[in-house]
C-alpha atoms as a PDB file:
ATOM      1  CA  MET A   1      19.935   2.562   1.315  1.00  0.00           C
ATOM      2  CA  PRO A   2      18.517   2.766   4.533  1.00  0.00           C
ATOM      3  CA  LYS A   3      20.502   1.157   7.271  1.00  0.00           C
ATOM      4  CA  LEU A   4      20.942  -2.061   8.022  1.00  0.00           C
ATOM      5  CA  THR A   5      20.597  -2.887  11.771  1.00  0.00           C
ATOM      6  CA  TRP A   6      19.948  -5.487  14.145  1.00  0.00           C
ATOM      7  CA  ARG A   7      16.619  -4.673  15.437  1.00  0.00           C
ATOM      8  CA  LEU A   8      15.453  -4.140  11.498  1.00  0.00           C
ATOM      9  CA  VAL A   9      16.881  -7.714  10.709  1.00  0.00           C
ATOM     10  CA  LEU A  10      15.072  -9.423  14.011  1.00  0.00           C
ATOM     11  CA  ASN A  11      11.653  -7.456  12.643  1.00  0.00           C
ATOM     12  CA  ALA A  12      12.060  -8.498   9.011  1.00  0.00           C
ATOM     13  CA  VAL A  13      12.652 -12.332  10.507  1.00  0.00           C
ATOM     14  CA  LEU A  14       9.821 -12.237  12.744  1.00  0.00           C
ATOM     15  CA  GLY A  15       7.537 -11.213  10.283  1.00  0.00           C
ATOM     16  CA  LEU A  16       8.003 -12.859   7.766  1.00  0.00           C
ATOM     17  CA  GLY A  17       8.397 -16.060  10.256  1.00  0.00           C
ATOM     18  CA  LEU A  18       5.377 -15.632  11.153  1.00  0.00           C
ATOM     19  CA  ALA A  19       3.718 -15.238   8.038  1.00  0.00           C
ATOM     20  CA  ALA A  20       5.606 -18.091   6.979  1.00  0.00           C
ATOM     21  CA  VAL A  21       4.037 -20.461   9.668  1.00  0.00           C
ATOM     22  CA  ILE A  22       0.043 -18.783   8.708  1.00  0.00           C
ATOM     23  CA  ILE A  23       0.865 -19.649   5.018  1.00  0.00           C
ATOM     24  CA  VAL A  24       2.445 -23.100   6.219  1.00  0.00           C
ATOM     25  CA  LEU A  25      -0.651 -23.781   8.203  1.00  0.00           C
ATOM     26  CA  LEU A  26      -2.868 -23.036   5.080  1.00  0.00           C
ATOM     27  CA  PRO A  27      -4.210 -26.533   4.705  1.00  0.00           C
ATOM     28  CA  VAL A  28      -4.936 -27.098   8.432  1.00  0.00           C
ATOM     29  CA  VAL A  29      -6.657 -24.099   8.922  1.00  0.00           C
ATOM     30  CA  THR A  30      -8.598 -24.512   4.941  1.00  0.00           C
ATOM     31  CA  GLN A  31      -9.482 -28.254   5.654  1.00  0.00           C
ATOM     32  CA  THR A  32      -7.596 -29.266   3.211  1.00  0.00           C
ATOM     33  CA  SER A  33      -3.869 -30.763   2.139  1.00  0.00           C
ATOM     34  CA  TRP A  34      -0.756 -29.668   0.100  1.00  0.00           C
ATOM     35  CA  GLU A  35      -2.014 -32.568  -2.417  1.00  0.00           C
ATOM     36  CA  LYS A  36      -5.048 -30.969  -3.213  1.00  0.00           C
ATOM     37  CA  ILE A  37      -3.836 -27.995  -3.815  1.00  0.00           C
ATOM     38  CA  GLY A  38      -0.786 -28.760  -5.618  1.00  0.00           C
ATOM     39  CA  HIS A  39      -3.330 -30.336  -7.942  1.00  0.00           C
ATOM     40  CA  HIS A  40      -4.659 -26.903  -8.537  1.00  0.00           C
ATOM     41  CA  LEU A  41      -1.263 -24.975  -8.468  1.00  0.00           C
ATOM     42  CA  SER A  42      -0.472 -27.256 -11.508  1.00  0.00           C
ATOM     43  CA  LEU A  43      -2.991 -25.585 -13.264  1.00  0.00           C
ATOM     44  CA  VAL A  44      -1.124 -22.810 -13.956  1.00  0.00           C
ATOM     45  CA  GLY A  45       1.272 -22.960 -16.420  1.00  0.00           C
ATOM     46  CA  PRO A  46       4.141 -21.118 -17.793  1.00  0.00           C
ATOM     47  CA  ARG A  47       2.089 -18.947 -20.027  1.00  0.00           C
ATOM     48  CA  THR A  48      -0.253 -18.113 -17.625  1.00  0.00           C
ATOM     49  CA  CYS A  49       2.367 -17.238 -15.268  1.00  0.00           C
ATOM     50  CA  LEU A  50       4.092 -14.922 -17.953  1.00  0.00           C
ATOM     51  CA  GLU A  51       0.422 -13.233 -18.392  1.00  0.00           C
ATOM     52  CA  LEU A  52       0.207 -13.094 -14.563  1.00  0.00           C
ATOM     53  CA  PHE A  53       3.308 -11.316 -14.138  1.00  0.00           C
ATOM     54  CA  GLY A  54       2.898  -9.026 -17.148  1.00  0.00           C
ATOM     55  CA  LEU A  55       0.267  -7.834 -15.032  1.00  0.00           C
ATOM     56  CA  THR A  56       2.215  -7.334 -11.725  1.00  0.00           C
ATOM     57  CA  VAL A  57       4.483  -4.808 -13.934  1.00  0.00           C
ATOM     58  CA  LEU A  58       1.717  -3.214 -15.435  1.00  0.00           C
ATOM     59  CA  GLY A  59       0.372  -2.235 -12.243  1.00  0.00           C
ATOM     60  CA  LEU A  60       3.142  -1.122 -10.496  1.00  0.00           C
ATOM     61  CA  ALA A  61       3.856   0.830 -13.660  1.00  0.00           C
ATOM     62  CA  VAL A  62       0.400   2.385 -13.753  1.00  0.00           C
ATOM     63  CA  TYR A  63       1.258   4.069  -9.944  1.00  0.00           C
ATOM     64  CA  THR A  64       4.035   5.864 -10.893  1.00  0.00           C
ATOM     65  CA  PHE A  65       1.163   8.525 -12.748  1.00  0.00           C
ATOM     66  CA  THR A  66       0.271   8.937  -9.118  1.00  0.00           C
ATOM     67  CA  LEU A  67       4.008   9.163  -7.446  1.00  0.00           C
ATOM     68  CA  SER A  68       5.012  11.819 -10.983  1.00  0.00           C
ATOM     69  CA  ALA A  69       1.794  14.044  -9.884  1.00  0.00           C
ATOM     70  CA  ALA A  70       2.319  13.809  -6.265  1.00  0.00           C
ATOM     71  CA  LEU A  71       6.062  15.346  -6.747  1.00  0.00           C
ATOM     72  CA  PRO A  72       6.514  17.143 -10.302  1.00  0.00           C
ATOM     73  CA  GLY A  73       9.706  17.030 -11.878  1.00  0.00           C
ATOM     74  CA  LEU A  74       9.594  13.277 -10.940  1.00  0.00           C
ATOM     75  CA  SER A  75      10.013  11.306 -14.026  1.00  0.00           C
ATOM     76  CA  HIS A  76       8.067   8.052 -14.715  1.00  0.00           C
ATOM     77  CA  VAL A  77      11.555   6.016 -14.971  1.00  0.00           C
ATOM     78  CA  LYS A  78      12.560   7.023 -11.877  1.00  0.00           C
ATOM     79  CA  ALA A  79       9.235   7.163 -10.099  1.00  0.00           C
ATOM     80  CA  SER A  80       8.795   3.089 -11.033  1.00  0.00           C
ATOM     81  CA  ILE A  81      12.235   3.098  -9.025  1.00  0.00           C
ATOM     82  CA  LEU A  82      10.915   4.808  -6.309  1.00  0.00           C
ATOM     83  CA  ASN A  83       7.763   2.207  -6.624  1.00  0.00           C
ATOM     84  CA  VAL A  84       9.561  -0.965  -6.551  1.00  0.00           C
ATOM     85  CA  SER A  85      12.505   0.101  -4.303  1.00  0.00           C
ATOM     86  CA  GLY A  86       9.915   1.293  -1.209  1.00  0.00           C
ATOM     87  CA  SER A  87       7.142  -1.339  -1.570  1.00  0.00           C
ATOM     88  CA  ALA A  88      10.265  -4.137  -1.434  1.00  0.00           C
ATOM     89  CA  VAL A  89      10.891  -2.743   1.867  1.00  0.00           C
ATOM     90  CA  SER A  90       7.468  -2.171   2.811  1.00  0.00           C
ATOM     91  CA  ASN A  91       6.983  -6.213   1.741  1.00  0.00           C
ATOM     92  CA  LEU A  92      10.139  -7.187   4.366  1.00  0.00           C
ATOM     93  CA  LEU A  93       9.247  -5.642   7.235  1.00  0.00           C
ATOM     94  CA  PRO A  94       6.034  -5.493   9.727  1.00  0.00           C
ATOM     95  CA  GLY A  95       4.507  -2.131   9.491  1.00  0.00           C
ATOM     96  CA  GLY A  96       7.251  -1.479   6.908  1.00  0.00           C
ATOM     97  CA  GLY A  97       5.596   1.616   5.702  1.00  0.00           C
ATOM     98  CA  ALA A  98       7.569   3.924   7.144  1.00  0.00           C
ATOM     99  CA  VAL A  99      11.086   2.506   6.374  1.00  0.00           C
ATOM    100  CA  GLY A 100       9.708   2.209   2.517  1.00  0.00           C
ATOM    101  CA  MET A 101       9.143   6.024   2.964  1.00  0.00           C
ATOM    102  CA  ALA A 102      12.504   6.798   4.712  1.00  0.00           C
ATOM    103  CA  SER A 103      13.993   4.913   1.515  1.00  0.00           C
ATOM    104  CA  SER A 104      11.713   7.240  -1.131  1.00  0.00           C
ATOM    105  CA  TYR A 105      12.923  10.474   0.822  1.00  0.00           C
ATOM    106  CA  LEU A 106      16.916   8.870   0.696  1.00  0.00           C
ATOM    107  CA  MET A 107      16.368   8.623  -3.049  1.00  0.00           C
ATOM    108  CA  LEU A 108      14.854  12.036  -3.858  1.00  0.00           C
ATOM    109  CA  ARG A 109      16.803  13.751  -1.760  1.00  0.00           C
ATOM    110  CA  SER A 110      19.991  12.234  -4.112  1.00  0.00           C
ATOM    111  CA  TRP A 111      17.720  12.905  -7.122  1.00  0.00           C
ATOM    112  CA  GLY A 112      17.609  17.045  -6.018  1.00  0.00           C
ATOM    113  CA  PHE A 113      14.394  17.696  -4.595  1.00  0.00           C
ATOM    114  CA  ALA A 114      13.704  19.686  -1.682  1.00  0.00           C
ATOM    115  CA  ARG A 115      12.813  18.241   1.635  1.00  0.00           C
ATOM    116  CA  ARG A 116       9.313  20.696   1.427  1.00  0.00           C
ATOM    117  CA  ASN A 117       8.485  19.127  -2.033  1.00  0.00           C
ATOM    118  CA  ILE A 118       9.365  15.304  -0.740  1.00  0.00           C
ATOM    119  CA  SER A 119       7.456  15.552   2.471  1.00  0.00           C
ATOM    120  CA  THR A 120       4.200  17.239   0.551  1.00  0.00           C
ATOM    121  CA  GLY A 121       4.661  14.389  -2.076  1.00  0.00           C
ATOM    122  CA  LEU A 122       5.235  11.761   0.064  1.00  0.00           C
ATOM    123  CA  ILE A 123       1.739  13.127   2.139  1.00  0.00           C
ATOM    124  CA  VAL A 124      -0.597  13.684  -0.948  1.00  0.00           C
ATOM    125  CA  SER A 125       0.641  10.078  -2.669  1.00  0.00           C
ATOM    126  CA  GLY A 126       0.039   8.215   0.376  1.00  0.00           C
ATOM    127  CA  LEU A 127      -3.012   9.591   1.598  1.00  0.00           C
ATOM    128  CA  TRP A 128      -4.563   9.314  -1.565  1.00  0.00           C
ATOM    129  CA  ASN A 129      -3.503   5.760  -1.515  1.00  0.00           C
ATOM    130  CA  VAL A 130      -5.124   5.281   2.148  1.00  0.00           C
ATOM    131  CA  LEU A 131      -8.824   6.600   0.950  1.00  0.00           C
ATOM    132  CA  PHE A 132      -8.987   4.539  -2.122  1.00  0.00           C
ATOM    133  CA  ARG A 133      -7.898   1.196  -0.809  1.00  0.00           C
ATOM    134  CA  VAL A 134     -10.076   2.254   2.533  1.00  0.00           C
ATOM    135  CA  ALA A 135     -12.629   2.725   0.265  1.00  0.00           C
ATOM    136  CA  LEU A 136     -12.653  -0.526  -1.668  1.00  0.00           C
ATOM    137  CA  PRO A 137     -14.450  -2.454   0.729  1.00  0.00           C
ATOM    138  CA  LEU A 138     -17.190  -0.187   0.260  1.00  0.00           C
ATOM    139  CA  ALA A 139     -17.109  -0.853  -3.389  1.00  0.00           C
ATOM    140  CA  GLY A 140     -17.021  -4.947  -3.062  1.00  0.00           C
ATOM    141  CA  ILE A 141     -19.945  -4.700  -0.616  1.00  0.00           C
ATOM    142  CA  ALA A 142     -22.306  -3.472  -3.163  1.00  0.00           C
ATOM    143  CA  ALA A 143     -20.964  -5.685  -5.498  1.00  0.00           C
ATOM    144  CA  VAL A 144     -22.500  -8.050  -3.857  1.00  0.00           C
ATOM    145  CA  SER A 145     -25.503  -6.765  -2.298  1.00  0.00           C
ATOM    146  CA  SER A 146     -28.105  -8.308  -4.779  1.00  0.00           C
ATOM    147  CA  SER A 147     -25.946 -11.768  -4.412  1.00  0.00           C
ATOM    148  CA  THR A 148     -28.127 -14.700  -2.496  1.00  0.00           C
ATOM    149  CA  ASP A 149     -25.168 -15.633  -0.975  1.00  0.00           C
ATOM    150  CA  ALA A 150     -25.195 -13.345   2.049  1.00  0.00           C
ATOM    151  CA  MET A 151     -22.049 -12.377   3.430  1.00  0.00           C
ATOM    152  CA  PRO A 152     -20.659 -13.137   6.711  1.00  0.00           C
ATOM    153  CA  SER A 153     -21.422 -10.664   9.190  1.00  0.00           C
ATOM    154  CA  LEU A 154     -18.077 -10.272  10.685  1.00  0.00           C
ATOM    155  CA  VAL A 155     -16.642  -9.368   7.188  1.00  0.00           C
ATOM    156  CA  ARG A 156     -19.476  -6.993   6.150  1.00  0.00           C
ATOM    157  CA  ARG A 157     -18.581  -5.297   9.404  1.00  0.00           C
ATOM    158  CA  GLY A 158     -15.400  -4.946   9.155  1.00  0.00           C
ATOM    159  CA  ALA A 159     -15.909  -3.689   5.275  1.00  0.00           C
ATOM    160  CA  TRP A 160     -18.170  -1.124   6.351  1.00  0.00           C
ATOM    161  CA  TRP A 161     -16.032   0.062   9.165  1.00  0.00           C
ATOM    162  CA  GLY A 162     -13.404   0.740   6.681  1.00  0.00           C
ATOM    163  CA  GLY A 163     -15.319   2.600   4.778  1.00  0.00           C
ATOM    164  CA  ILE A 164     -16.845   4.955   7.302  1.00  0.00           C
ATOM    165  CA  ILE A 165     -13.061   5.543   8.296  1.00  0.00           C
ATOM    166  CA  GLY A 166     -12.110   6.410   4.346  1.00  0.00           C
ATOM    167  CA  LEU A 167     -14.912   8.637   4.045  1.00  0.00           C
ATOM    168  CA  LEU A 168     -13.831  10.218   7.662  1.00  0.00           C
ATOM    169  CA  LEU A 169     -10.175  10.665   5.774  1.00  0.00           C
ATOM    170  CA  LEU A 170     -11.656  12.283   3.284  1.00  0.00           C
ATOM    171  CA  ILE A 171     -13.589  14.775   5.499  1.00  0.00           C
ATOM    172  CA  GLY A 172     -11.120  15.722   7.296  1.00  0.00           C
ATOM    173  CA  PHE A 173      -8.598  15.672   4.079  1.00  0.00           C
ATOM    174  CA  VAL A 174     -11.058  18.187   2.500  1.00  0.00           C
ATOM    175  CA  VAL A 175     -11.452  20.596   5.237  1.00  0.00           C
ATOM    176  CA  ALA A 176      -7.757  20.681   6.091  1.00  0.00           C
ATOM    177  CA  LEU A 177      -7.353  21.990   2.449  1.00  0.00           C
ATOM    178  CA  THR A 178     -10.335  24.257   2.204  1.00  0.00           C
ATOM    179  CA  ARG A 179     -10.152  26.089   5.639  1.00  0.00           C
ATOM    180  CA  PRO A 180      -6.854  27.508   6.487  1.00  0.00           C
ATOM    181  CA  SER A 181      -7.807  29.134   9.745  1.00  0.00           C
ATOM    182  CA  TRP A 182      -8.237  25.663  11.417  1.00  0.00           C
ATOM    183  CA  THR A 183      -4.923  25.056  10.105  1.00  0.00           C
ATOM    184  CA  ALA A 184      -3.686  28.159  11.740  1.00  0.00           C
ATOM    185  CA  TRP A 185      -5.551  26.993  14.873  1.00  0.00           C
ATOM    186  CA  LEU A 186      -4.245  23.567  15.018  1.00  0.00           C
ATOM    187  CA  GLY A 187      -0.485  24.876  14.434  1.00  0.00           C
ATOM    188  CA  GLY A 188      -1.322  27.990  17.152  1.00  0.00           C
ATOM    189  CA  GLN A 189      -2.263  25.032  19.490  1.00  0.00           C
ATOM    190  CA  ILE A 190       0.902  23.193  19.114  1.00  0.00           C
ATOM    191  CA  ASP A 191       3.213  26.042  19.169  1.00  0.00           C
ATOM    192  CA  ASP A 192       1.989  27.543  22.611  1.00  0.00           C
ATOM    193  CA  ARG A 193       1.862  24.033  24.198  1.00  0.00           C
ATOM    194  CA  PHE A 194       4.640  21.725  22.792  1.00  0.00           C
ATOM    195  CA  GLY A 195       6.729  24.368  20.777  1.00  0.00           C
ATOM    196  CA  HIS A 196       9.502  24.472  23.331  1.00  0.00           C
ATOM    197  CA  LEU A 197       9.593  20.404  23.804  1.00  0.00           C
ATOM    198  CA  ILE A 198       9.422  20.183  19.811  1.00  0.00           C
ATOM    199  CA  ALA A 199      12.315  22.307  19.501  1.00  0.00           C
ATOM    200  CA  ARG A 200      14.292  20.188  22.092  1.00  0.00           C
ATOM    201  CA  LEU A 201      13.811  17.208  20.152  1.00  0.00           C
ATOM    202  CA  ARG A 202      15.275  18.769  16.913  1.00  0.00           C
ATOM    203  CA  ARG A 203      18.594  17.454  16.157  1.00  0.00           C
ATOM    204  CA  GLY A 204      21.146  19.907  16.469  1.00  0.00           C
ATOM    205  CA  ASP A 205      19.140  22.430  18.109  1.00  0.00           C
ATOM    206  CA  LYS A 206      20.882  23.210  21.216  1.00  0.00           C
ATOM    207  CA  LYS A 207      19.068  26.656  22.197  1.00  0.00           C
ATOM    208  CA  GLY A 208      15.988  25.071  22.144  1.00  0.00           C
ATOM    209  CA  LYS A 209      14.255  27.728  20.194  1.00  0.00           C
ATOM    210  CA  PRO A 210      10.642  27.767  19.718  1.00  0.00           C
ATOM    211  CA  LEU A 211       9.310  26.061  16.190  1.00  0.00           C
ATOM    212  CA  HIS A 212       6.874  28.116  14.845  1.00  0.00           C
ATOM    213  CA  VAL A 213       4.389  24.688  13.837  1.00  0.00           C
ATOM    214  CA  LYS A 214       2.058  26.486  12.707  1.00  0.00           C
ATOM    215  CA  ASN A 215       3.784  28.564   9.944  1.00  0.00           C
ATOM    216  CA  MET A 216       4.985  24.632   8.680  1.00  0.00           C
ATOM    217  CA  LEU A 217       1.363  23.816   8.780  1.00  0.00           C
ATOM    218  CA  LEU A 218       0.189  26.476   6.866  1.00  0.00           C
ATOM    219  CA  ASP A 219       3.346  26.500   3.866  1.00  0.00           C
ATOM    220  CA  GLN A 220       2.420  22.784   3.815  1.00  0.00           C
ATOM    221  CA  ARG A 221      -1.650  22.779   3.391  1.00  0.00           C
ATOM    222  CA  ALA A 222      -0.697  25.641   0.707  1.00  0.00           C
ATOM    223  CA  ARG A 223       1.478  23.109  -1.210  1.00  0.00           C
ATOM    224  CA  MET A 224      -0.491  20.254  -0.888  1.00  0.00           C
ATOM    225  CA  SER A 225      -3.720  22.275  -1.710  1.00  0.00           C
ATOM    226  CA  THR A 226      -1.666  22.964  -5.170  1.00  0.00           C
ATOM    227  CA  ILE A 227      -0.690  19.508  -5.403  1.00  0.00           C
ATOM    228  CA  THR A 228      -4.009  18.179  -5.476  1.00  0.00           C
ATOM    229  CA  LYS A 229      -5.558  20.645  -7.496  1.00  0.00           C
ATOM    230  CA  ARG A 230      -3.032  20.527 -10.316  1.00  0.00           C
ATOM    231  CA  GLY A 231      -2.721  16.681 -10.093  1.00  0.00           C
ATOM    232  CA  TRP A 232      -6.070  15.218  -8.762  1.00  0.00           C
ATOM    233  CA  PHE A 233      -6.473  13.355 -11.778  1.00  0.00           C
ATOM    234  CA  PRO A 234      -3.126  11.556 -12.671  1.00  0.00           C
ATOM    235  CA  MET A 235      -3.202  10.805  -8.930  1.00  0.00           C
ATOM    236  CA  SER A 236      -6.312   9.460  -9.291  1.00  0.00           C
ATOM    237  CA  PHE A 237      -6.113   7.646 -12.294  1.00  0.00           C
ATOM    238  CA  GLY A 238      -2.397   5.873 -10.882  1.00  0.00           C
ATOM    239  CA  VAL A 239      -4.203   4.370  -7.647  1.00  0.00           C
ATOM    240  CA  ILE A 240      -7.371   3.297  -9.328  1.00  0.00           C
ATOM    241  CA  GLY A 241      -5.691   1.823 -12.279  1.00  0.00           C
ATOM    242  CA  GLN A 242      -3.249  -0.051  -9.917  1.00  0.00           C
ATOM    243  CA  LEU A 243      -6.609  -1.506  -7.611  1.00  0.00           C
ATOM    244  CA  GLY A 244      -8.185  -2.246 -10.879  1.00  0.00           C
ATOM    245  CA  ILE A 245      -5.445  -4.348 -12.535  1.00  0.00           C
ATOM    246  CA  TRP A 246      -4.684  -6.372  -8.910  1.00  0.00           C
ATOM    247  CA  PHE A 247      -8.075  -7.048  -9.615  1.00  0.00           C
ATOM    248  CA  LEU A 248      -7.636  -8.611 -13.250  1.00  0.00           C
ATOM    249  CA  LEU A 249      -4.740 -10.261 -11.952  1.00  0.00           C
ATOM    250  CA  PHE A 250      -6.786 -11.563  -8.968  1.00  0.00           C
ATOM    251  CA  TRP A 251      -9.657 -12.642 -11.388  1.00  0.00           C
ATOM    252  CA  ARG A 252      -7.105 -14.097 -13.827  1.00  0.00           C
ATOM    253  CA  VAL A 253      -5.581 -16.466 -11.345  1.00  0.00           C
ATOM    254  CA  MET A 254      -8.781 -17.374  -9.469  1.00  0.00           C
ATOM    255  CA  ASP A 255      -9.784 -18.409 -13.317  1.00  0.00           C
ATOM    256  CA  ALA A 256      -6.457 -20.507 -13.541  1.00  0.00           C
ATOM    257  CA  VAL A 257      -6.791 -22.437 -10.459  1.00  0.00           C
ATOM    258  CA  HIS A 258     -10.620 -23.371 -11.286  1.00  0.00           C
ATOM    259  CA  VAL A 259     -12.756 -20.852  -8.559  1.00  0.00           C
ATOM    260  CA  ASN A 260     -15.794 -20.613 -10.557  1.00  0.00           C
ATOM    261  CA  LEU A 261     -17.312 -17.515  -8.625  1.00  0.00           C
ATOM    262  CA  PRO A 262     -19.359 -14.757 -10.504  1.00  0.00           C
ATOM    263  CA  VAL A 263     -17.043 -11.541 -11.164  1.00  0.00           C
ATOM    264  CA  ALA A 264     -18.903  -9.906  -8.292  1.00  0.00           C
ATOM    265  CA  ASP A 265     -18.114 -12.369  -5.478  1.00  0.00           C
ATOM    266  CA  LEU A 266     -14.097 -12.452  -6.882  1.00  0.00           C
ATOM    267  CA  PHE A 267     -14.347  -8.375  -6.423  1.00  0.00           C
ATOM    268  CA  ALA A 268     -15.620  -8.626  -3.043  1.00  0.00           C
ATOM    269  CA  ALA A 269     -13.276 -11.262  -1.795  1.00  0.00           C
ATOM    270  CA  TYR A 270     -10.380  -9.248  -3.425  1.00  0.00           C
ATOM    271  CA  ALA A 271     -12.096  -5.524  -2.250  1.00  0.00           C
ATOM    272  CA  ILE A 272     -12.188  -7.049   1.196  1.00  0.00           C
ATOM    273  CA  SER A 273      -8.791  -8.907   1.535  1.00  0.00           C
ATOM    274  CA  ARG A 274      -6.816  -5.544   0.473  1.00  0.00           C
ATOM    275  CA  LEU A 275      -8.118  -4.113   3.659  1.00  0.00           C
ATOM    276  CA  MET A 276      -6.234  -6.581   5.679  1.00  0.00           C
ATOM    277  CA  THR A 277      -2.922  -5.172   3.772  1.00  0.00           C
ATOM    278  CA  ALA A 278      -2.887  -2.599   6.402  1.00  0.00           C
ATOM    279  CA  ILE A 279      -2.453  -5.134   9.639  1.00  0.00           C
ATOM    280  CA  PRO A 280       1.000  -4.666  11.237  1.00  0.00           C
ATOM    281  CA  ILE A 281       1.624  -7.268  12.541  1.00  0.00           C
ATOM    282  CA  THR A 282       3.261  -9.597   9.283  1.00  0.00           C
ATOM    283  CA  PRO A 283       4.802  -7.339   6.485  1.00  0.00           C
ATOM    284  CA  GLY A 284       1.951  -5.919   4.485  1.00  0.00           C
ATOM    285  CA  GLY A 285      -0.225  -8.054   6.387  1.00  0.00           C
ATOM    286  CA  LEU A 286       1.173 -11.450   4.146  1.00  0.00           C
ATOM    287  CA  GLY A 287      -0.734 -14.300   5.371  1.00  0.00           C
ATOM    288  CA  PHE A 288      -3.914 -12.498   7.426  1.00  0.00           C
ATOM    289  CA  THR A 289      -4.879 -11.274   3.471  1.00  0.00           C
ATOM    290  CA  GLU A 290      -4.990 -14.940   2.673  1.00  0.00           C
ATOM    291  CA  VAL A 291      -7.105 -16.340   5.048  1.00  0.00           C
ATOM    292  CA  SER A 292      -9.733 -13.497   4.774  1.00  0.00           C
ATOM    293  CA  ALA A 293      -9.740 -13.666   0.654  1.00  0.00           C
ATOM    294  CA  PHE A 294      -9.936 -17.746   1.660  1.00  0.00           C
ATOM    295  CA  GLY A 295     -13.074 -17.526   3.953  1.00  0.00           C
ATOM    296  CA  ILE A 296     -14.825 -15.367   1.595  1.00  0.00           C
ATOM    297  CA  LEU A 297     -14.183 -17.329  -1.089  1.00  0.00           C
ATOM    298  CA  VAL A 298     -15.327 -20.705   0.900  1.00  0.00           C
ATOM    299  CA  THR A 299     -18.423 -18.914   2.539  1.00  0.00           C
ATOM    300  CA  TRP A 300     -19.329 -18.566  -1.472  1.00  0.00           C
ATOM    301  CA  GLY A 301     -18.737 -21.858  -2.560  1.00  0.00           C
ATOM    302  CA  ALA A 302     -15.469 -22.260  -3.723  1.00  0.00           C
ATOM    303  CA  SER A 303     -13.480 -25.587  -3.069  1.00  0.00           C
ATOM    304  CA  PRO A 304     -11.195 -24.974  -0.553  1.00  0.00           C
ATOM    305  CA  ALA A 305      -8.394 -26.723  -2.448  1.00  0.00           C
ATOM    306  CA  ALA A 306      -8.518 -24.203  -5.124  1.00  0.00           C
ATOM    307  CA  ALA A 307      -9.447 -20.830  -2.904  1.00  0.00           C
ATOM    308  CA  THR A 308      -6.282 -21.812  -1.205  1.00  0.00           C
ATOM    309  CA  ALA A 309      -3.815 -22.501  -4.130  1.00  0.00           C
ATOM    310  CA  GLY A 310      -5.552 -19.056  -5.857  1.00  0.00           C
ATOM    311  CA  VAL A 311      -4.504 -17.014  -2.883  1.00  0.00           C
ATOM    312  CA  PHE A 312      -1.027 -18.598  -2.497  1.00  0.00           C
ATOM    313  CA  VAL A 313      -0.401 -17.731  -6.126  1.00  0.00           C
ATOM    314  CA  PHE A 314      -1.800 -14.135  -6.011  1.00  0.00           C
ATOM    315  CA  MET A 315       0.396 -13.539  -3.082  1.00  0.00           C
ATOM    316  CA  VAL A 316       3.294 -14.630  -4.893  1.00  0.00           C
ATOM    317  CA  PHE A 317       2.669 -12.083  -7.606  1.00  0.00           C
ATOM    318  CA  THR A 318       1.813  -9.422  -5.502  1.00  0.00           C
ATOM    319  CA  HIS A 319       4.002  -9.630  -2.697  1.00  0.00           C
ATOM    320  CA  LEU A 320       6.995 -11.588  -3.258  1.00  0.00           C
ATOM    321  CA  ALA A 321       7.462 -10.684  -6.506  1.00  0.00           C
ATOM    322  CA  GLU A 322       7.938  -7.153  -5.910  1.00  0.00           C
ATOM    323  CA  ILE A 323      11.160  -8.196  -3.515  1.00  0.00           C
ATOM    324  CA  PRO A 324      13.269  -8.630  -6.795  1.00  0.00           C
ATOM    325  CA  LEU A 325      11.708  -5.831  -8.758  1.00  0.00           C
ATOM    326  CA  GLY A 326      12.537  -3.786  -5.848  1.00  0.00           C
ATOM    327  CA  ALA A 327      16.382  -4.965  -5.349  1.00  0.00           C
ATOM    328  CA  LEU A 328      16.732  -4.149  -9.128  1.00  0.00           C
ATOM    329  CA  GLY A 329      15.203  -0.864  -8.578  1.00  0.00           C
ATOM    330  CA  TRP A 330      17.698  -0.271  -5.643  1.00  0.00           C
ATOM    331  CA  LEU A 331      20.800  -1.721  -8.586  1.00  0.00           C
ATOM    332  CA  ALA A 332      19.074   1.589 -10.624  1.00  0.00           C
ATOM    333  CA  TRP A 333      19.075   4.023  -7.685  1.00  0.00           C
ATOM    334  CA  TRP A 334      22.830   2.996  -6.675  1.00  0.00           C
ATOM    335  CA  THR A 335      24.344   3.018 -10.603  1.00  0.00           C
ATOM    336  CA  SER A 336      21.945   6.334 -11.815  1.00  0.00           C
ATOM    337  CA  PRO A 337      23.706  10.039 -11.117  1.00  0.00           C
ATOM    338  CA  LYS A 338      22.919  11.656  -8.150  1.00  0.00           C
ATOM    339  CA  ALA A 339      22.427  15.592  -8.282  1.00  0.00           C
ATOM    340  CA  GLY A 340      23.166  16.039  -4.953  1.00  0.00           C
ATOM    341  CA  ALA A 341      21.577  16.481  -1.649  1.00  0.00           C
ATOM    342  CA  ALA A 342      22.078  20.235  -1.776  1.00  0.00           C
ATOM    343  CA  ARG A 343      20.594  20.786  -5.031  1.00  0.00           C
ATOM    344  CA  ALA A 344      16.920  21.558  -4.478  1.00  0.00           C
END
């Protein structure tokens, strides 16, 4: 497990504290009261909670297709452990994705995966995830393009920029995979200008020998290209499947708390709010995601109390529920047989 330091603890406390303040102040922001919100929360009975939890688990399970395709040899069981454990860490820390990736690296090394394969798999799966998530807002805009209720201009601009960034990332990714000459040029430039500096920063490199970044990038590009060609379908299935199940969860939550809006409007609110999860100030954009979803829902006519209850319940199942599941994942890893880091 990642080393627990006072900085990590402080970051977690500050991040979760800010998210808690935002959530506690939701009635003020939404101009309603916890009493009215509680009425809509009471509409979510035990049977509905069981259904929502089932969708949560299903969404996490589907994403294992992405991880297994990006890391050949990784079983779906181990991919599940990897997924929930990394998500739990990311959901506890502001900008916790880096720590989550470090924990994934630790687990994969203990199962005998080579460093190069781990780096390739994590890069490809991470890019695949980002590409689809930043493109999602464009799908949300398209879903409500014929709606009589205009989307707030600020939200529309943010969604368009998210889509444009996604398109640029996709172009850059395709170019990197198809033009090895460009990769070689970039690596050569880094070697010429920063090679000795990078070598000095490397752990255990006392002689400061130049690091051949060009060869590393060309090797990484070749392996990424191979993984993408072989695994593009299961990786896409995993990401799209999870996002689709998350929307089904969002839809069922809003129906349970009586947010009566067309499916297209609900999808647009869901799609654009997913973009807010990238905000690094709080863990997983917690608080900002809920406020953005609420603003869109109310703009299109939802009851403030019902919308607040809906985004709160959705947050519980897509964010908080992953933390105890992650704890179970860490326990499963801790008790699982280890192949040893030296065995690749």
